[in-house]
Amino acid sequence: MDYPLWEIPIQEAALETDLAKAAQKVHEAEAAIFNRTQQLAASNEGRDEMEAIQRGLQELLRIKTHKLNWPGIDGYP
């Protein structure tokens, strides 16, 4: 795991069977991603991590729509 601050909550959300706990993990991951993108925006580094964040956000959207049954967005399976 290259970016544990935000990757671990995503994995935990994906594996959690208690939907309330899974939703909490989604929120934790989103907050960690927000904070990290703010840090990366202030530097010229982090392109690889930004690409990983994009994949992480796609996974969060999948968890939200498929596991937590939150409304999806148009064009996303």
C-alpha atoms as a PDB file:
ATOM      1  CA  MET A   1       0.000   0.000   0.000  1.00  0.00           C
ATOM      2  CA  ASP A   2       1.613   3.212  -1.188  1.00  0.00           C
ATOM      3  CA  TYR A   3      -0.720   5.802   0.375  1.00  0.00           C
ATOM      4  CA  PRO A   4      -2.066   4.383   3.638  1.00  0.00           C
ATOM      5  CA  LEU A   5      -3.624   7.611   4.948  1.00  0.00           C
ATOM      6  CA  TRP A   6      -6.433   7.409   2.422  1.00  0.00           C
ATOM      7  CA  GLU A   7      -6.115   3.881   0.988  1.00  0.00           C
ATOM      8  CA  ILE A   8      -6.734   2.101   4.300  1.00  0.00           C
ATOM      9  CA  PRO A   9     -10.149   3.723   4.929  1.00  0.00           C
ATOM     10  CA  ILE A  10     -11.185   2.832   1.358  1.00  0.00           C
ATOM     11  CA  GLN A  11     -10.231  -0.804   1.892  1.00  0.00           C
ATOM     12  CA  GLU A  12     -11.952  -0.870   5.263  1.00  0.00           C
ATOM     13  CA  ALA A  13     -15.130   0.601   3.738  1.00  0.00           C
ATOM     14  CA  ALA A  14     -15.080  -2.035   1.007  1.00  0.00           C
ATOM     15  CA  LEU A  15     -14.718  -4.863   3.527  1.00  0.00           C
ATOM     16  CA  GLU A  16     -17.037  -3.547   6.264  1.00  0.00           C
ATOM     17  CA  THR A  17     -20.342  -5.399   6.593  1.00  0.00           C
ATOM     18  CA  ASP A  18     -21.954  -2.856   8.938  1.00  0.00           C
ATOM     19  CA  LEU A  19     -23.286  -0.210   6.545  1.00  0.00           C
ATOM     20  CA  ALA A  20     -23.093   2.616   9.092  1.00  0.00           C
ATOM     21  CA  LYS A  21     -19.436   1.810   9.742  1.00  0.00           C
ATOM     22  CA  ALA A  22     -18.778   1.534   6.014  1.00  0.00           C
ATOM     23  CA  ALA A  23     -20.305   4.970   5.475  1.00  0.00           C
ATOM     24  CA  GLN A  24     -18.085   6.367   8.241  1.00  0.00           C
ATOM     25  CA  LYS A  25     -15.019   4.883   6.539  1.00  0.00           C
ATOM     26  CA  VAL A  26     -16.103   6.475   3.247  1.00  0.00           C
ATOM     27  CA  HIS A  27     -16.256   9.853   4.999  1.00  0.00           C
ATOM     28  CA  GLU A  28     -12.835   9.277   6.570  1.00  0.00           C
ATOM     29  CA  ALA A  29     -11.347   8.406   3.194  1.00  0.00           C
ATOM     30  CA  GLU A  30     -12.916  11.448   1.551  1.00  0.00           C
ATOM     31  CA  ALA A  31     -11.530  13.736   4.265  1.00  0.00           C
ATOM     32  CA  ALA A  32      -8.064  12.197   3.971  1.00  0.00           C
ATOM     33  CA  ILE A  33      -8.150  12.551   0.177  1.00  0.00           C
ATOM     34  CA  PHE A  34      -9.283  16.170   0.446  1.00  0.00           C
ATOM     35  CA  ASN A  35      -6.457  16.995   2.857  1.00  0.00           C
ATOM     36  CA  ARG A  36      -3.883  15.193   0.743  1.00  0.00           C
ATOM     37  CA  THR A  37      -4.954  16.874  -2.501  1.00  0.00           C
ATOM     38  CA  GLN A  38      -4.613  20.241  -0.760  1.00  0.00           C
ATOM     39  CA  GLN A  39      -1.032  19.311   0.156  1.00  0.00           C
ATOM     40  CA  LEU A  40      -0.260  18.071  -3.347  1.00  0.00           C
ATOM     41  CA  ALA A  41      -1.704  21.214  -4.948  1.00  0.00           C
ATOM     42  CA  ALA A  42       0.945  23.253  -3.154  1.00  0.00           C
ATOM     43  CA  SER A  43       3.768  21.276  -4.749  1.00  0.00           C
ATOM     44  CA  ASN A  44       4.900  20.190  -8.184  1.00  0.00           C
ATOM     45  CA  GLU A  45       5.189  16.575  -7.077  1.00  0.00           C
ATOM     46  CA  GLY A  46       2.621  13.878  -6.597  1.00  0.00           C
ATOM     47  CA  ARG A  47       1.460  13.066 -10.111  1.00  0.00           C
ATOM     48  CA  ASP A  48       1.492   9.325  -9.392  1.00  0.00           C
ATOM     49  CA  GLU A  49      -0.420   9.836  -6.169  1.00  0.00           C
ATOM     50  CA  MET A  50      -2.987  12.043  -7.899  1.00  0.00           C
ATOM     51  CA  GLU A  51      -3.589   9.246 -10.405  1.00  0.00           C
ATOM     52  CA  ALA A  52      -3.974   6.797  -7.507  1.00  0.00           C
ATOM     53  CA  ILE A  53      -6.392   9.222  -5.843  1.00  0.00           C
ATOM     54  CA  GLN A  54      -8.517   9.230  -9.000  1.00  0.00           C
ATOM     55  CA  ARG A  55      -8.718   5.431  -8.822  1.00  0.00           C
ATOM     56  CA  GLY A  56      -9.502   5.664  -5.109  1.00  0.00           C
ATOM     57  CA  LEU A  57     -12.330   8.105  -5.782  1.00  0.00           C
ATOM     58  CA  GLN A  58     -13.763   5.733  -8.375  1.00  0.00           C
ATOM     59  CA  GLU A  59     -13.684   2.958  -5.775  1.00  0.00           C
ATOM     60  CA  LEU A  60     -15.421   5.211  -3.245  1.00  0.00           C
ATOM     61  CA  LEU A  61     -18.132   5.961  -5.782  1.00  0.00           C
ATOM     62  CA  ARG A  62     -18.557   2.240  -6.407  1.00  0.00           C
ATOM     63  CA  ILE A  63     -18.863   1.606  -2.662  1.00  0.00           C
ATOM     64  CA  LYS A  64     -21.380   4.420  -2.265  1.00  0.00           C
ATOM     65  CA  THR A  65     -23.609   3.362  -5.131  1.00  0.00           C
ATOM     66  CA  HIS A  66     -23.355  -0.428  -4.995  1.00  0.00           C
ATOM     67  CA  LYS A  67     -22.793  -1.183  -1.331  1.00  0.00           C
ATOM     68  CA  LEU A  68     -24.445   1.741   0.424  1.00  0.00           C
ATOM     69  CA  ASN A  69     -27.142   2.257  -2.240  1.00  0.00           C
ATOM     70  CA  TRP A  70     -26.523   5.988  -2.472  1.00  0.00           C
ATOM     71  CA  PRO A  71     -27.789   7.668  -5.636  1.00  0.00           C
ATOM     72  CA  GLY A  72     -25.430   7.233  -8.546  1.00  0.00           C
ATOM     73  CA  ILE A  73     -24.304   9.721 -11.112  1.00  0.00           C
ATOM     74  CA  ASP A  74     -25.257   9.671 -14.774  1.00  0.00           C
ATOM     75  CA  GLY A  75     -22.859   7.696 -16.890  1.00  0.00           C
ATOM     76  CA  TYR A  76     -21.391   5.672 -14.039  1.00  0.00           C
ATOM     77  CA  PRO A  77     -22.257   1.983 -13.921  1.00  0.00           C
END
